[in-house]
N, C-alpha and C. Protein backbone atom coordinates (compact mmCIF):
# COMPACT_ATOMS: atom_id res chain seq x y z
N MET A 1 0.88 -1.28 -0.11
CA MET A 1 0.19 -0.21 0.14
C MET A 1 0.68 1.25 -0.01
N LYS A 2 2.06 1.13 0.83
CA LYS A 2 2.87 2.07 1.26
C LYS A 2 3.44 2.69 -0.36
N LEU A 3 3.80 1.54 -1.42
CA LEU A 3 3.97 1.29 -2.26
C LEU A 3 3.02 2.51 -3.53
N ARG A 4 2.35 1.67 -3.70
CA ARG A 4 1.31 2.75 -4.44
C ARG A 4 0.99 4.16 -4.12
N ILE A 5 0.87 4.40 -2.54
CA ILE A 5 0.80 5.75 -2.46
C ILE A 5 2.21 6.33 -3.15
N LYS A 6 3.26 6.17 -2.65
CA LYS A 6 4.51 7.04 -3.36
C LYS A 6 4.70 6.67 -4.89
N LEU A 7 4.09 6.03 -5.37
CA LEU A 7 3.98 5.74 -7.10
C LEU A 7 3.12 7.13 -7.25
N LEU A 8 1.85 6.74 -7.22
CA LEU A 8 0.75 7.85 -6.99
C LEU A 8 1.51 9.42 -6.90
N SER A 9 2.22 9.46 -5.92
CA SER A 9 2.51 10.88 -5.38
C SER A 9 3.68 11.46 -6.59
N ASN A 10 4.52 10.21 -6.54
CA ASN A 10 5.56 10.49 -7.93
C ASN A 10 5.05 10.89 -9.12
N LEU A 11 4.17 10.25 -9.80
CA LEU A 11 3.17 10.40 -10.64
C LEU A 11 2.79 11.65 -11.19
N ARG A 12 2.11 12.24 -9.80
CA ARG A 12 1.34 13.53 -9.20
C ARG A 12 2.62 14.48 -9.92
N GLN A 13 4.12 14.49 -9.11
CA GLN A 13 4.82 15.71 -9.12
C GLN A 13 5.51 15.37 -10.60
N ARG A 14 5.62 14.23 -11.21
CA ARG A 14 6.05 14.62 -12.40
C ARG A 14 5.31 14.76 -13.41
N PHE A 15 3.75 14.29 -13.22
CA PHE A 15 2.94 15.10 -14.26
C PHE A 15 2.94 16.84 -14.66
N ARG A 16 2.81 17.28 -13.03
CA ARG A 16 3.12 18.88 -12.63
C ARG A 16 4.03 19.53 -13.40
N LYS A 17 5.44 18.58 -12.96
CA LYS A 17 6.70 19.46 -13.36
C LYS A 17 6.97 19.71 -14.72
N GLU A 18 6.79 18.32 -15.24
CA GLU A 18 6.69 18.13 -16.79
C GLU A 18 6.07 18.43 -17.86
N TYR A 19 4.34 18.18 -17.78
CA TYR A 19 3.18 18.25 -19.14
C TYR A 19 2.79 19.63 -18.20
N LEU A 20 2.68 20.12 -17.28
CA LEU A 20 1.96 21.49 -16.92
C LEU A 20 3.32 22.64 -17.32
N GLY A 21 4.19 22.13 -17.11
CA GLY A 21 5.61 22.80 -17.46
C GLY A 21 5.55 23.63 -18.71
N GLU A 22 5.46 22.24 -19.37
CA GLU A 22 5.08 22.58 -20.91
C GLU A 22 4.30 23.23 -21.48
N LEU A 23 3.08 22.78 -20.93
CA LEU A 23 1.95 23.87 -21.37
C LEU A 23 2.36 25.30 -20.99
N ILE A 24 2.64 25.66 -19.64
CA ILE A 24 2.73 26.89 -19.56
C ILE A 24 3.89 27.49 -20.58
N GLN A 25 4.64 26.69 -20.77
CA GLN A 25 5.95 27.52 -21.93
C GLN A 25 5.27 27.98 -23.20
N LYS A 26 4.55 26.74 -23.49
CA LYS A 26 3.90 26.74 -24.89
C LYS A 26 3.08 27.77 -24.99
N GLN A 27 2.31 28.16 -23.98
CA GLN A 27 1.50 29.02 -24.29
C GLN A 27 2.12 30.47 -23.77
N ASN A 28 2.86 31.14 -24.53
CA ASN A 28 3.73 32.05 -24.01
C ASN A 28 3.08 33.44 -25.28
N ASP A 29 1.94 33.44 -25.93
CA ASP A 29 1.43 34.24 -26.69
C ASP A 29 0.11 35.04 -25.96
N ASN A 30 0.01 35.94 -26.11
CA ASN A 30 -0.85 36.72 -25.54
C ASN A 30 -2.21 36.82 -26.32
N ARG A 31 -2.57 36.12 -27.00
CA ARG A 31 -3.68 35.35 -27.43
C ARG A 31 -5.08 34.97 -26.21
N VAL A 32 -6.02 35.54 -26.16
CA VAL A 32 -6.99 35.06 -25.02
C VAL A 32 -8.07 34.66 -25.72
N ARG A 33 -8.96 33.41 -25.64
CA ARG A 33 -9.82 32.84 -26.30
C ARG A 33 -10.59 32.58 -24.95
N GLU A 34 -11.70 32.18 -25.28
CA GLU A 34 -12.77 31.73 -24.26
C GLU A 34 -12.45 30.07 -24.01
N PRO A 35 -12.82 29.82 -22.40
CA PRO A 35 -12.64 28.98 -22.44
C PRO A 35 -14.07 27.47 -22.84
N ARG A 36 -13.34 26.81 -22.62
CA ARG A 36 -14.42 25.22 -23.33
C ARG A 36 -14.52 24.48 -22.14
N VAL A 37 -15.83 23.94 -22.27
CA VAL A 37 -15.88 22.83 -21.48
C VAL A 37 -15.18 21.74 -21.52
N GLY A 38 -15.17 21.15 -20.46
CA GLY A 38 -13.93 19.49 -20.72
C GLY A 38 -12.60 19.89 -20.64
N GLU A 39 -12.20 21.45 -20.98
CA GLU A 39 -10.66 22.03 -20.75
C GLU A 39 -10.18 21.54 -18.91
N MET A 40 -8.75 21.21 -19.10
CA MET A 40 -8.63 21.36 -18.02
C MET A 40 -7.74 22.57 -17.50
N VAL A 41 -7.71 23.32 -16.07
CA VAL A 41 -7.40 24.55 -16.10
C VAL A 41 -6.29 24.13 -14.73
N LEU A 42 -5.66 25.52 -14.58
CA LEU A 42 -4.81 25.40 -13.07
C LEU A 42 -5.73 26.73 -12.55
N ILE A 43 -5.79 26.46 -10.89
CA ILE A 43 -6.62 27.60 -10.26
C ILE A 43 -5.29 28.38 -9.66
N GLY A 44 -5.25 29.73 -9.80
CA GLY A 44 -4.34 30.18 -9.44
C GLY A 44 -4.51 30.43 -8.38
N ASP A 45 -3.67 30.37 -7.29
CA ASP A 45 -3.44 31.17 -5.64
C ASP A 45 -2.35 31.77 -5.58
N ASP A 46 -2.30 32.76 -5.11
CA ASP A 46 -1.12 33.73 -5.05
C ASP A 46 -0.09 33.21 -4.10
N ASN A 47 -0.90 32.57 -2.98
CA ASN A 47 -0.04 31.63 -1.40
C ASN A 47 0.56 30.66 -2.03
N LYS A 48 0.66 30.49 -3.01
CA LYS A 48 1.55 28.85 -3.22
C LYS A 48 1.91 29.05 -4.67
N LYS A 49 2.81 27.97 -4.84
CA LYS A 49 3.64 28.33 -6.28
C LYS A 49 2.94 27.54 -7.36
N ARG A 50 3.24 28.17 -8.29
CA ARG A 50 2.46 27.29 -9.52
C ARG A 50 2.33 25.58 -9.23
N LEU A 51 3.07 24.87 -8.93
CA LEU A 51 3.49 23.50 -9.43
C LEU A 51 2.32 23.10 -8.05
N SER A 52 1.97 23.89 -7.35
CA SER A 52 0.73 23.59 -6.27
C SER A 52 -0.24 24.04 -6.73
N TRP A 53 -0.97 24.86 -7.54
CA TRP A 53 -2.01 25.44 -8.13
C TRP A 53 -2.77 24.21 -8.23
N PRO A 54 -4.09 23.88 -7.56
CA PRO A 54 -5.23 22.83 -8.31
C PRO A 54 -5.61 22.69 -9.45
N ILE A 55 -5.65 21.35 -9.84
CA ILE A 55 -6.04 21.04 -11.52
C ILE A 55 -7.74 21.22 -11.67
N ALA A 56 -8.72 21.71 -12.37
CA ALA A 56 -10.07 21.50 -12.57
C ALA A 56 -10.21 21.47 -13.79
N LYS A 57 -11.78 20.93 -13.85
CA LYS A 57 -12.05 20.87 -14.84
C LYS A 57 -13.51 21.45 -15.39
N ILE A 58 -13.14 22.22 -16.50
CA ILE A 58 -14.37 23.43 -16.48
C ILE A 58 -15.50 22.38 -17.37
N ILE A 59 -16.36 22.16 -16.27
CA ILE A 59 -17.95 21.27 -16.23
C ILE A 59 -18.81 22.62 -16.80
N GLU A 60 -19.11 23.57 -16.73
CA GLU A 60 -20.07 24.36 -17.33
C GLU A 60 -19.52 25.81 -17.38
N LEU A 61 -20.09 26.72 -18.61
CA LEU A 61 -20.14 28.26 -18.71
C LEU A 61 -21.19 28.99 -18.39
N ILE A 62 -20.93 29.77 -17.48
CA ILE A 62 -22.07 30.66 -17.63
C ILE A 62 -21.87 32.18 -17.38
N PRO A 63 -22.87 32.49 -19.02
CA PRO A 63 -22.72 33.84 -19.20
C PRO A 63 -22.87 35.00 -18.47
N GLY A 64 -23.03 36.24 -18.40
CA GLY A 64 -23.49 37.09 -18.01
C GLY A 64 -24.87 37.82 -18.72
N ARG A 65 -25.29 39.00 -18.15
CA ARG A 65 -26.60 39.41 -19.05
C ARG A 65 -26.01 40.03 -20.21
N ASP A 66 -24.93 39.93 -20.85
CA ASP A 66 -24.64 40.68 -22.00
C ASP A 66 -23.69 39.40 -23.00
N GLY A 67 -24.29 37.86 -22.02
CA GLY A 67 -23.74 37.21 -23.16
C GLY A 67 -22.12 36.82 -23.01
N GLU A 68 -21.07 37.16 -22.44
CA GLU A 68 -20.20 37.05 -22.19
C GLU A 68 -19.83 35.97 -21.32
N ILE A 69 -19.42 34.99 -21.19
CA ILE A 69 -19.04 34.21 -20.07
C ILE A 69 -18.24 35.10 -18.83
N ARG A 70 -19.11 35.07 -17.98
CA ARG A 70 -18.81 35.41 -16.49
C ARG A 70 -18.14 34.56 -15.48
N THR A 71 -18.32 33.89 -15.51
CA THR A 71 -18.31 32.52 -14.51
C THR A 71 -18.37 31.38 -15.27
N VAL A 72 -17.51 30.52 -14.62
CA VAL A 72 -17.34 28.92 -14.61
C VAL A 72 -17.04 28.01 -13.69
N ARG A 73 -17.79 26.88 -14.18
CA ARG A 73 -18.15 25.51 -12.87
C ARG A 73 -17.08 24.70 -12.92
N LEU A 74 -16.60 24.70 -12.28
CA LEU A 74 -15.05 24.00 -11.90
C LEU A 74 -14.96 22.52 -11.35
N LYS A 75 -14.85 21.04 -11.60
CA LYS A 75 -14.84 20.09 -10.55
C LYS A 75 -13.29 19.82 -10.46
N THR A 76 -13.10 20.18 -9.13
CA THR A 76 -11.79 19.69 -8.52
C THR A 76 -12.20 18.36 -8.25
N GLN A 77 -10.92 18.03 -7.50
CA GLN A 77 -10.55 16.86 -6.69
C GLN A 77 -11.78 16.68 -5.38
N HIS A 78 -11.17 17.93 -4.80
CA HIS A 78 -12.38 18.17 -3.69
C HIS A 78 -13.93 18.70 -4.15
N GLY A 79 -14.28 18.75 -5.03
CA GLY A 79 -15.84 18.79 -4.98
C GLY A 79 -16.09 19.85 -6.42
N THR A 80 -16.96 20.55 -6.16
CA THR A 80 -17.22 21.65 -7.32
C THR A 80 -17.00 23.16 -6.91
N VAL A 81 -16.94 24.22 -7.49
CA VAL A 81 -16.79 25.25 -7.64
C VAL A 81 -16.63 25.98 -8.42
N TYR A 82 -17.25 27.17 -8.31
CA TYR A 82 -17.33 28.25 -9.18
C TYR A 82 -16.10 29.46 -9.18
N ALA A 83 -15.90 29.60 -10.28
CA ALA A 83 -14.42 31.01 -10.79
C ALA A 83 -15.05 31.85 -11.55
N ARG A 84 -14.91 33.24 -11.46
CA ARG A 84 -14.86 34.46 -12.48
C ARG A 84 -14.07 34.05 -13.35
N TYR A 85 -14.43 34.28 -14.37
CA TYR A 85 -13.88 34.30 -15.77
C TYR A 85 -13.63 35.78 -15.99
N ASN A 86 -12.29 36.47 -15.93
CA ASN A 86 -12.27 37.61 -16.30
C ASN A 86 -10.59 37.48 -17.61
N ALA A 87 -10.98 37.87 -18.62
CA ALA A 87 -9.81 37.26 -19.29
C ALA A 87 -8.20 38.51 -18.86
N SER A 88 -8.87 39.53 -18.43
CA SER A 88 -7.55 40.49 -17.89
C SER A 88 -6.92 39.66 -16.86
N SER A 89 -7.70 39.17 -16.07
CA SER A 89 -6.67 38.57 -14.63
C SER A 89 -6.38 36.78 -14.90
N LEU A 90 -6.86 36.58 -16.34
CA LEU A 90 -6.03 35.08 -16.43
C LEU A 90 -4.52 35.14 -17.10
N TRP A 91 -3.64 34.37 -16.30
CA TRP A 91 -2.57 33.78 -16.89
C TRP A 91 -2.52 32.78 -17.72
N LYS A 92 -1.52 33.05 -18.74
CA LYS A 92 -1.67 32.07 -20.16
C LYS A 92 -1.83 31.26 -19.78
N TYR A 93 -1.66 30.87 -18.51
CA TYR A 93 -2.12 29.20 -18.66
C TYR A 93 -3.55 28.93 -17.91
N LYS A 94 -4.51 29.66 -18.05
CA LYS A 94 -5.48 29.72 -17.66
C LYS A 94 -5.96 29.76 -16.33
N ARG A 95 -5.12 30.57 -15.81
CA ARG A 95 -5.72 31.15 -14.40
C ARG A 95 -6.81 31.49 -14.10
N LEU A 96 -7.38 31.02 -13.10
CA LEU A 96 -9.08 31.57 -12.57
C LEU A 96 -9.02 31.99 -11.21
N GLN A 97 -9.71 32.90 -10.87
CA GLN A 97 -9.77 33.53 -9.65
C GLN A 97 -10.73 32.71 -8.83
N ILE A 98 -10.75 31.93 -7.84
CA ILE A 98 -11.54 30.92 -7.33
C ILE A 98 -12.58 32.04 -6.08
N MET A 99 -14.04 31.85 -6.59
CA MET A 99 -14.60 31.92 -5.22
C MET A 99 -15.39 30.41 -4.87
N LEU A 100 -15.45 30.50 -3.54
CA LEU A 100 -16.10 29.30 -3.22
C LEU A 100 -17.45 29.13 -3.27
N ARG A 101 -18.01 28.20 -3.57
CA ARG A 101 -19.28 27.81 -3.73
C ARG A 101 -20.24 28.04 -3.06
N GLY A 102 -20.92 29.02 -2.44
CA GLY A 102 -21.74 29.51 -1.07
C GLY A 102 -22.84 29.53 -1.12
């Protein structure tokens, strides 16, 4: 059991360092596009290192009165949360400002 936990931890660390690191480097352009349902995103947290940011999957896009996407619903390892979508506040690797579901 300990070996399985250790292997899972190593796999997670390797995924974050290698794969997510490549995604960050590849998205160095300034083009901004709307998020899509099913995309995997990193939820930014100024108090944590980028490699420790939680990963989430977009499960719903919520438009505002003007028809523009304003909020997204995300599925994380710990449940469902809502995040405000604001293109000017996004990092190039889909940083979202988190709002806990309340």
